[in-house]
């Protein structure tokens, strides 16, 4: 099956590329290993230089990359520009701090000099999704490359132009030939590539199903695996919260990237005393969102990435309504070509409904009532996921205590929406995956942490 991009605003085909054979993928792995053997021995500052140049290219040509994202997956150019700039940030972050993160760490021992050091593993296979087609790639590649590894990219089939653009940026920045390669590889051929001895680890951002499959394949080969999977992030509005402020932050989170984000506000859990005011504010803000051409700088929300994703979301909405949820806005597929879906608000959502049990990946706000604060926190943790969470309260001290001790997720924000930041670890628990990207921890995921002991 070829890798093909389709314009989600109208369904028109854009570009197609043939898939690689397994033999071609194996040849790419061999090239990758050859590049790695040289790259790992380069001084750390030499490894940092192309990352800095890549950051400059991303910033200088951000409008070009934003237009490409808009064409292939419907992201408004205003958000695509921000994505390109964030990619530049993560490259600069590891270029600046990589030497410190990888420095030898001495230990106080008796009768010897001892320390641990970090050494590159080899080639890392990066299996990346379509929703943040630049950020996901550079978030994985920057620490891996800075650590001395090589990277093979298997991107989502619907964003082939973005995949090639990521490769282009790093090539133009002066990365050695073969060190970062895009592979138009079919899902069924991933396992064969994992068999290759050059590939020493795999990082995947995607669905739970994809994570299970890749984890099983990597585990069978005793190869390092990092997974960032789905989320059903609870945003808890407590009884002492300002409903207007909470609604503003929740709507901003829910509608970024058209709601197609793993860390978007998926379940808005509101204590009864704040429920009506919060719901009214959410509906008002959803209704005011400017939807339209993603290439228009004033557009806040474009189409969804693909029609089948839109259809799945619509099914979840309709089944939830039939099960008793109330529809306040949207909920109908527009009669136009493309993968359009309106901002939609559901309330009265409870157990047994798709909107409560499943991840809704699109512009749908799910408002869940809670009796009191304790009930709201119970509902928040009533999920198989654990990527992000947020709590809104007038008491910041209590909010921090709840974030630290009660809410079960890899990231918990107080009075703000969840986001990734190069300076902080990012990842989840339970069905949301394992391992951590970004921060010092991210660069240590794909290294051999070696202990060295020298007796006196």
Protein backbone atom coordinates (compact mmCIF):
# COMPACT_ATOMS: atom_id res chain seq x y z
CA UNK A 1 0.00 0.00 0.00
CA UNK A 2 1.51 3.38 -0.97
CA UNK A 3 1.94 6.21 1.47
CA UNK A 4 -0.65 8.74 0.31
CA UNK A 5 -1.64 12.18 1.56
CA UNK A 6 -5.21 13.37 1.12
CA UNK A 7 -6.35 16.95 1.68
CA UNK A 8 -8.71 16.60 4.67
CA UNK A 9 -10.52 19.82 3.78
CA UNK A 10 -11.94 18.37 0.55
CA UNK A 11 -10.79 14.76 0.17
CA UNK A 12 -8.59 15.47 -2.85
CA UNK A 13 -5.40 13.37 -3.24
CA UNK A 14 -2.15 15.27 -2.77
CA UNK A 15 0.92 13.03 -3.09
CA UNK A 16 1.80 9.34 -3.10
CA UNK A 17 5.00 7.39 -2.44
CA UNK A 18 5.66 3.67 -2.82
CA UNK A 19 6.35 1.58 0.24
CA UNK A 20 9.78 0.11 0.83
CA UNK A 21 10.43 -3.58 0.51
CA UNK A 22 11.85 -5.44 3.49
CA UNK A 23 15.15 -5.68 1.65
CA UNK A 24 15.25 -1.91 1.19
CA UNK A 25 14.46 -1.39 4.88
CA UNK A 26 17.27 -3.76 5.86
CA UNK A 27 19.67 -1.84 3.62
CA UNK A 28 18.62 1.37 5.37
CA UNK A 29 19.33 -0.26 8.73
CA UNK A 30 22.82 -1.19 7.54
CA UNK A 31 23.46 2.39 6.41
CA UNK A 32 22.16 3.59 9.74
CA UNK A 33 24.56 1.36 11.64
CA UNK A 34 27.52 2.55 9.59
CA UNK A 35 26.64 6.18 10.32
CA UNK A 36 26.17 5.40 14.01
CA UNK A 37 29.65 3.90 14.37
CA UNK A 38 31.17 7.23 13.37
CA UNK A 39 28.64 9.53 15.00
CA UNK A 40 28.86 8.02 18.50
CA UNK A 41 32.57 8.85 18.70
CA UNK A 42 32.23 12.49 17.72
CA UNK A 43 32.79 15.06 20.46
CA UNK A 44 29.53 16.10 22.04
CA UNK A 45 29.73 19.66 20.70
CA UNK A 46 30.11 18.35 17.16
CA UNK A 47 26.90 16.40 17.67
CA UNK A 48 25.18 19.54 18.93
CA UNK A 49 26.07 21.68 15.90
CA UNK A 50 23.68 20.13 13.35
CA UNK A 51 20.88 20.18 15.90
CA UNK A 52 21.32 23.93 16.28
CA UNK A 53 21.36 24.40 12.51
CA UNK A 54 18.21 22.30 12.18
CA UNK A 55 16.52 24.50 14.78
CA UNK A 56 17.37 27.58 12.72
CA UNK A 57 15.94 26.01 9.56
CA UNK A 58 12.71 25.12 11.35
CA UNK A 59 12.30 28.66 12.68
CA UNK A 60 13.30 30.45 9.49
CA UNK A 61 10.97 28.38 7.32
CA UNK A 62 8.15 27.84 9.82
CA UNK A 63 5.44 29.10 7.39
CA UNK A 64 6.47 26.45 4.86
CA UNK A 65 6.27 23.64 7.38
CA UNK A 66 2.97 24.96 8.75
CA UNK A 67 1.44 24.97 5.25
CA UNK A 68 2.54 21.36 4.76
CA UNK A 69 0.90 20.30 8.03
CA UNK A 70 -2.28 22.12 7.04
CA UNK A 71 -2.37 20.38 3.67
CA UNK A 72 -1.78 16.87 4.96
CA UNK A 73 -3.66 16.72 8.26
CA UNK A 74 -5.68 19.92 8.58
CA UNK A 75 -3.76 21.75 11.33
CA UNK A 76 -4.37 25.52 11.19
CA UNK A 77 -1.23 27.33 10.06
CA UNK A 78 -1.18 29.40 13.23
CA UNK A 79 -0.75 26.18 15.21
CA UNK A 80 1.61 24.63 12.67
CA UNK A 81 3.94 27.60 12.96
CA UNK A 82 3.99 27.11 16.71
CA UNK A 83 4.72 23.41 16.23
CA UNK A 84 7.74 24.14 14.02
CA UNK A 85 9.04 26.62 16.58
CA UNK A 86 8.59 24.12 19.39
CA UNK A 87 10.62 21.59 17.40
CA UNK A 88 13.40 24.17 17.18
CA UNK A 89 13.17 24.60 20.96
CA UNK A 90 13.62 20.89 21.70
CA UNK A 91 16.61 20.67 19.34
CA UNK A 92 18.26 23.67 20.99
CA UNK A 93 17.45 22.33 24.46
CA UNK A 94 19.34 19.08 23.89
CA UNK A 95 22.13 20.80 21.97
CA UNK A 96 22.66 23.10 24.96
CA UNK A 97 22.22 20.62 27.79
CA UNK A 98 23.20 17.29 26.23
CA UNK A 99 26.77 17.39 27.50
CA UNK A 100 25.62 17.90 31.09
CA UNK A 101 22.93 15.22 30.83
CA UNK A 102 25.42 12.69 29.46
CA UNK A 103 28.32 13.59 31.77
CA UNK A 104 29.88 10.91 33.96
CA UNK A 105 28.29 10.65 37.41
CA UNK A 106 30.75 9.82 40.20
CA UNK A 107 29.79 7.74 43.23
CA UNK A 108 31.38 7.76 46.68
CA UNK A 109 32.73 4.23 47.28
CA UNK A 110 35.44 2.77 49.48
CA UNK A 111 38.77 1.65 48.02
CA UNK A 112 38.01 2.59 44.43
CA UNK A 113 37.07 5.29 41.98
CA UNK A 114 33.59 4.58 40.62
CA UNK A 115 31.16 6.33 38.32
CA UNK A 116 28.50 5.65 35.76
CA UNK A 117 28.57 6.87 32.18
CA UNK A 118 26.07 6.95 29.31
CA UNK A 119 26.86 5.42 25.93
CA UNK A 120 24.74 5.31 22.79
CA UNK A 121 22.98 2.03 21.97
CA UNK A 122 22.79 2.09 18.17
CA UNK A 123 19.81 2.71 15.89
CA UNK A 124 16.45 3.73 17.35
CA UNK A 125 13.30 3.03 15.33
CA UNK A 126 10.82 5.89 15.80
CA UNK A 127 7.19 5.04 14.94
CA UNK A 128 5.35 8.34 14.92
CA UNK A 129 1.72 9.51 14.51
CA UNK A 130 0.05 12.04 12.25
CA UNK A 131 -1.44 14.49 14.76
CA UNK A 132 1.76 16.43 15.51
CA UNK A 133 3.72 15.34 12.44
CA UNK A 134 6.83 17.45 13.13
CA UNK A 135 6.85 17.71 16.94
CA UNK A 136 6.53 13.98 17.59
CA UNK A 137 9.47 13.30 15.27
CA UNK A 138 11.84 15.90 16.66
CA UNK A 139 10.78 15.18 20.25
CA UNK A 140 12.07 11.64 19.74
CA UNK A 141 14.98 12.39 17.43
CA UNK A 142 16.66 15.27 19.27
CA UNK A 143 17.69 13.35 22.43
CA UNK A 144 18.43 10.15 20.53
CA UNK A 145 20.77 11.90 18.10
CA UNK A 146 22.40 14.00 20.79
CA UNK A 147 23.12 10.83 22.77
CA UNK A 148 25.02 9.44 19.75
CA UNK A 149 22.35 7.16 18.30
CA UNK A 150 21.01 6.89 14.76
CA UNK A 151 17.28 7.14 13.99
CA UNK A 152 15.02 5.40 11.48
CA UNK A 153 11.64 7.09 11.11
CA UNK A 154 8.47 5.14 10.31
CA UNK A 155 5.88 7.90 10.10
CA UNK A 156 2.10 7.67 9.70
CA UNK A 157 1.02 6.90 6.10
CA UNK A 158 -1.15 10.03 5.80
CA UNK A 159 1.67 12.57 6.30
CA UNK A 160 4.40 11.49 3.86
CA UNK A 161 5.34 15.04 2.95
CA UNK A 162 5.90 15.89 6.60
CA UNK A 163 8.04 12.77 7.02
CA UNK A 164 10.25 13.77 4.11
CA UNK A 165 10.42 17.35 5.39
CA UNK A 166 11.77 16.20 8.76
CA UNK A 167 14.46 14.24 6.95
CA UNK A 168 15.20 17.24 4.74
CA UNK A 169 15.67 19.60 7.69
CA UNK A 170 18.23 17.33 9.34
CA UNK A 171 20.04 16.63 6.08
CA UNK A 172 20.33 20.34 5.28
CA UNK A 173 21.57 20.91 8.83
CA UNK A 174 24.57 18.72 8.08
CA UNK A 175 23.67 15.48 9.81
CA UNK A 176 25.84 12.65 8.37
CA UNK A 177 24.37 10.59 5.56
CA UNK A 178 22.31 7.68 6.85
CA UNK A 179 22.10 8.88 10.45
CA UNK A 180 18.45 9.91 10.17
CA UNK A 181 16.37 8.21 7.49
CA UNK A 182 12.68 8.30 6.69
CA UNK A 183 11.29 4.89 5.73
CA UNK A 184 7.95 4.48 3.98
CA UNK A 185 7.45 1.20 5.80
CA UNK A 186 4.25 -0.78 6.13
CA UNK A 187 3.04 -1.80 9.58
CA UNK A 188 3.41 -5.49 8.79
CA UNK A 189 7.10 -4.94 7.98
CA UNK A 190 8.01 -3.29 11.29
CA UNK A 191 8.65 -6.62 13.00
CA UNK A 192 11.16 -7.65 10.35
CA UNK A 193 13.04 -4.38 10.84
CA UNK A 194 13.10 -4.94 14.60
CA UNK A 195 14.89 -8.20 13.86
CA UNK A 196 17.82 -6.32 12.36
CA UNK A 197 20.78 -6.26 14.77
CA UNK A 198 21.40 -2.56 14.08
CA UNK A 199 18.06 -1.63 15.61
CA UNK A 200 18.56 -1.56 19.38
CA UNK A 201 15.41 0.23 20.49
CA UNK A 202 12.01 1.46 19.42
CA UNK A 203 9.95 4.46 20.47
CA UNK A 204 6.29 4.63 19.53
CA UNK A 205 3.64 7.29 19.92
CA UNK A 206 0.24 5.97 18.92
CA UNK A 207 -2.74 3.87 19.89
CA UNK A 208 -2.93 1.30 22.66
CA UNK A 209 -3.29 -1.44 20.07
CA UNK A 210 -0.16 -0.36 18.24
CA UNK A 211 1.68 -0.09 21.54
CA UNK A 212 0.75 -3.61 22.57
CA UNK A 213 1.95 -5.01 19.25
CA UNK A 214 5.26 -3.16 19.21
CA UNK A 215 5.94 -3.86 22.90
CA UNK A 216 5.40 -7.57 22.30
CA UNK A 217 7.69 -7.56 19.28
CA UNK A 218 10.42 -5.59 21.07
CA UNK A 219 10.10 -7.72 24.19
CA UNK A 220 10.50 -10.92 22.22
CA UNK A 221 13.80 -9.54 20.95
CA UNK A 222 14.89 -8.06 24.30
CA UNK A 223 15.11 -4.57 22.80
CA UNK A 224 14.40 -1.33 24.61
CA UNK A 225 10.91 0.06 24.05
CA UNK A 226 9.34 3.41 24.93
CA UNK A 227 5.58 3.93 24.50
CA UNK A 228 3.51 7.10 24.56
CA UNK A 229 -0.06 5.96 23.93
CA UNK A 230 -3.57 7.33 24.29
CA UNK A 231 -5.10 9.33 27.06
CA UNK A 232 -8.48 10.10 28.56
CA UNK A 233 -7.27 13.08 30.50
CA UNK A 234 -9.52 14.19 33.37
CA UNK A 235 -9.82 17.91 34.05
CA UNK A 236 -11.36 18.24 37.52
CA UNK A 237 -13.27 21.41 38.44
CA UNK A 238 -13.60 21.45 42.23
CA UNK A 239 -16.23 23.21 44.28
CA UNK A 240 -14.02 26.24 45.02
CA UNK A 241 -12.88 26.74 41.40
CA UNK A 242 -13.70 29.76 39.24
CA UNK A 243 -15.91 28.17 36.54
CA UNK A 244 -15.12 30.86 33.96
CA UNK A 245 -11.35 30.42 34.31
CA UNK A 246 -11.67 26.63 34.30
CA UNK A 247 -13.85 26.73 31.17
CA UNK A 248 -11.38 28.96 29.32
CA UNK A 249 -8.44 26.63 30.04
CA UNK A 250 -10.44 23.45 29.38
CA UNK A 251 -11.73 24.70 26.03
CA UNK A 252 -8.24 25.81 24.98
CA UNK A 253 -6.96 22.31 25.76
CA UNK A 254 -9.88 20.49 24.17
CA UNK A 255 -9.80 22.29 20.84
CA UNK A 256 -6.09 22.62 20.14
CA UNK A 257 -5.25 20.62 17.02
CA UNK A 258 -8.98 20.08 16.51
CA UNK A 259 -9.13 18.01 19.69
CA UNK A 260 -6.74 15.48 18.16
CA UNK A 261 -4.21 15.37 20.97
CA UNK A 262 -3.35 12.65 23.47
CA UNK A 263 -3.15 15.21 26.29
CA UNK A 264 -6.26 17.21 25.43
CA UNK A 265 -8.92 17.72 28.10
CA UNK A 266 -10.94 14.58 27.39
CA UNK A 267 -13.19 14.34 30.48
CA UNK A 268 -14.36 17.56 32.11
CA UNK A 269 -15.43 16.46 35.59
CA UNK A 270 -17.34 19.21 37.39
CA UNK A 271 -18.64 19.39 40.95
CA UNK A 272 -22.40 19.99 40.96
CA UNK A 273 -22.19 23.48 42.48
CA UNK A 274 -20.05 24.66 39.56
CA UNK A 275 -21.64 22.51 36.85
CA UNK A 276 -24.20 24.82 35.24
CA UNK A 277 -21.98 27.90 35.10
CA UNK A 278 -19.09 25.85 33.74
CA UNK A 279 -21.23 24.12 31.10
CA UNK A 280 -22.71 27.43 29.93
CA UNK A 281 -19.21 28.91 29.56
CA UNK A 282 -17.94 25.87 27.64
CA UNK A 283 -20.88 25.95 25.21
CA UNK A 284 -20.41 29.69 24.66
CA UNK A 285 -16.70 29.29 23.94
CA UNK A 286 -17.20 26.28 21.68
CA UNK A 287 -19.83 28.13 19.67
CA UNK A 288 -17.45 31.06 19.13
CA UNK A 289 -14.60 28.98 17.67
CA UNK A 290 -13.72 30.07 14.14
CA UNK A 291 -13.56 26.99 11.91
CA UNK A 292 -12.52 26.99 8.27
CA UNK A 293 -9.62 26.76 5.84
CA UNK A 294 -6.53 25.64 7.80
CA UNK A 295 -4.38 27.76 5.48
CA UNK A 296 -6.17 30.91 6.70
CA UNK A 297 -4.13 32.49 9.53
CA UNK A 298 -7.35 33.46 11.33
CA UNK A 299 -8.71 29.91 11.47
CA UNK A 300 -8.73 28.34 14.93
CA UNK A 301 -9.93 24.87 13.89
CA UNK A 302 -9.74 23.10 10.55
CA UNK A 303 -11.04 19.70 9.48
CA UNK A 304 -10.15 16.50 11.24
CA UNK A 305 -7.23 14.61 9.74
CA UNK A 306 -9.19 11.87 7.98
CA UNK A 307 -12.81 11.08 7.23
CA UNK A 308 -12.70 7.68 8.96
CA UNK A 309 -11.49 9.34 12.17
CA UNK A 310 -14.38 11.79 11.93
CA UNK A 311 -16.83 8.93 11.38
CA UNK A 312 -15.54 7.06 14.44
CA UNK A 313 -15.91 10.18 16.56
CA UNK A 314 -19.45 10.78 15.29
CA UNK A 315 -20.40 7.21 16.13
CA UNK A 316 -19.11 7.65 19.68
CA UNK A 317 -21.10 10.88 20.04
CA UNK A 318 -24.33 9.38 18.72
CA UNK A 319 -24.05 6.22 20.83
CA UNK A 320 -23.48 8.35 23.92
CA UNK A 321 -26.58 10.41 23.16
CA UNK A 322 -28.65 7.26 22.71
CA UNK A 323 -27.34 6.08 26.09
CA UNK A 324 -28.55 9.25 27.81
CA UNK A 325 -26.01 12.03 27.23
CA UNK A 326 -27.37 15.51 26.40
CA UNK A 327 -26.24 17.31 23.25
CA UNK A 328 -25.79 21.08 23.62
CA UNK A 329 -23.90 21.97 20.45
CA UNK A 330 -22.78 20.32 17.21
CA UNK A 331 -23.06 16.57 16.87
CA UNK A 332 -23.90 16.51 13.14
CA UNK A 333 -21.68 15.72 10.15
CA UNK A 334 -21.70 18.69 7.74
CA UNK A 335 -22.89 18.11 4.20
CA UNK A 336 -19.61 18.98 2.51
CA UNK A 337 -16.57 17.18 1.20
CA UNK A 338 -13.72 16.58 3.60
CA UNK A 339 -13.31 15.42 7.19
CA UNK A 340 -15.23 18.21 8.89
CA UNK A 341 -16.84 17.93 12.30
CA UNK A 342 -18.24 20.80 14.36
CA UNK A 343 -17.28 21.72 17.91
CA UNK A 344 -19.58 19.51 19.98
CA UNK A 345 -20.57 19.58 23.65
CA UNK A 346 -22.07 16.67 25.60
CA UNK A 347 -23.20 16.73 29.22
CA UNK A 348 -24.72 14.19 31.56
CA UNK A 349 -22.07 11.69 30.50
CA UNK A 350 -21.70 8.62 32.70
CA UNK A 351 -20.45 5.03 32.87
CA UNK A 352 -21.31 2.76 29.97
CA UNK A 353 -21.26 5.54 27.37
CA UNK A 354 -18.47 5.70 24.76
CA UNK A 355 -17.87 9.31 25.80
CA UNK A 356 -17.06 8.08 29.33
CA UNK A 357 -15.29 4.80 28.59
CA UNK A 358 -13.34 5.57 25.39
CA UNK A 359 -10.91 8.19 24.18
CA UNK A 360 -12.69 10.73 21.95
CA UNK A 361 -10.12 12.04 19.50
CA UNK A 362 -11.67 15.20 18.11
CA UNK A 363 -13.48 18.46 18.97
CA UNK A 364 -15.94 17.08 21.53
CA UNK A 365 -16.26 18.35 25.10
CA UNK A 366 -17.49 15.70 27.52
CA UNK A 367 -18.90 17.18 30.74
CA UNK A 368 -19.30 14.72 33.61
CA UNK A 369 -21.15 15.75 36.79
CA UNK A 370 -19.79 14.92 40.24
CA UNK A 371 -21.53 15.12 43.61
CA UNK A 372 -18.62 16.74 45.42
CA UNK A 373 -14.83 17.06 45.35
CA UNK A 374 -14.24 13.52 46.56
CA UNK A 375 -16.56 12.10 43.91
CA UNK A 376 -14.85 14.19 41.20
CA UNK A 377 -11.41 12.85 42.13
CA UNK A 378 -12.76 9.30 42.17
CA UNK A 379 -14.16 9.71 38.65
CA UNK A 380 -10.88 11.24 37.48
CA UNK A 381 -8.96 8.11 38.47
CA UNK A 382 -11.64 5.78 37.08
CA UNK A 383 -9.79 5.11 33.83
CA UNK A 384 -7.35 2.65 32.30
CA UNK A 385 -5.29 5.59 31.01
CA UNK A 386 -2.87 7.85 32.86
CA UNK A 387 -1.19 10.36 30.56
CA UNK A 388 -2.24 13.78 31.86
CA UNK A 389 -4.67 15.40 34.28
CA UNK A 390 -5.56 18.83 35.58
CA UNK A 391 -7.30 20.17 38.66
CA UNK A 392 -8.93 23.58 39.04
CA UNK A 393 -9.30 25.04 42.52
CA UNK A 394 -9.17 28.30 44.40
CA UNK A 395 -6.68 26.77 46.84
CA UNK A 396 -3.34 26.31 45.10
CA UNK A 397 -1.77 24.57 48.10
CA UNK A 398 -4.53 21.97 48.13
CA UNK A 399 -4.37 21.73 44.35
CA UNK A 400 -0.67 20.91 44.46
CA UNK A 401 -1.26 18.26 47.12
CA UNK A 402 -3.98 16.65 44.98
CA UNK A 403 -1.73 16.81 41.91
CA UNK A 404 1.15 15.19 43.73
CA UNK A 405 -0.65 12.59 45.84
CA UNK A 406 -4.11 11.84 44.44
CA UNK A 407 -4.46 12.23 40.68
CA UNK A 408 -2.92 9.28 38.84
CA UNK A 409 -1.14 10.39 35.66
CA UNK A 410 2.29 11.13 34.24
CA UNK A 411 1.63 14.90 34.28
CA UNK A 412 -0.77 16.83 36.50
CA UNK A 413 -1.31 20.58 36.12
CA UNK A 414 -3.00 22.87 38.62
CA UNK A 415 -5.25 25.64 37.23
CA UNK A 416 -3.85 25.20 33.72
CA UNK A 417 -4.02 22.79 30.82
CA UNK A 418 -1.55 19.96 30.28
CA UNK A 419 1.23 20.44 27.74
CA UNK A 420 4.64 19.00 26.99
CA UNK A 421 7.79 21.02 27.70
CA UNK A 422 11.36 20.00 26.77
CA UNK A 423 12.48 20.78 30.32
CA UNK A 424 10.07 18.32 31.98
CA UNK A 425 9.59 14.53 31.69
CA UNK A 426 6.66 13.48 29.52
CA UNK A 427 4.92 10.10 29.48
CA UNK A 428 2.18 8.06 31.08
CA UNK A 429 1.22 5.10 33.21
CA UNK A 430 -1.07 2.10 32.70
CA UNK A 431 -2.57 2.01 29.18
CA UNK A 432 -0.94 5.35 28.36
CA UNK A 433 2.45 3.67 28.08
CA UNK A 434 5.81 3.67 29.83
CA UNK A 435 9.14 5.43 29.67
CA UNK A 436 9.75 9.17 29.60
CA UNK A 437 10.54 11.59 26.81
CA UNK A 438 12.02 15.09 27.15
CA UNK A 439 14.04 16.48 30.11
CA UNK A 440 17.26 14.75 31.22
CA UNK A 441 15.31 11.49 31.45
CA UNK A 442 14.50 11.55 27.74
CA UNK A 443 18.11 11.44 26.61
CA UNK A 444 18.83 8.55 28.99
CA UNK A 445 16.08 6.29 27.59
CA UNK A 446 18.24 5.00 24.74
CA UNK A 447 21.71 4.76 26.24
CA UNK A 448 23.68 2.11 28.05
CA UNK A 449 24.08 3.41 31.59
CA UNK A 450 27.37 1.73 32.39
CA UNK A 451 28.98 1.45 35.82
CA UNK A 452 32.79 1.72 35.89
CA UNK A 453 34.74 0.67 39.00
CA UNK A 454 38.52 1.22 39.26
CA UNK A 455 40.10 -0.29 42.35
CA UNK A 456 42.83 1.63 44.19
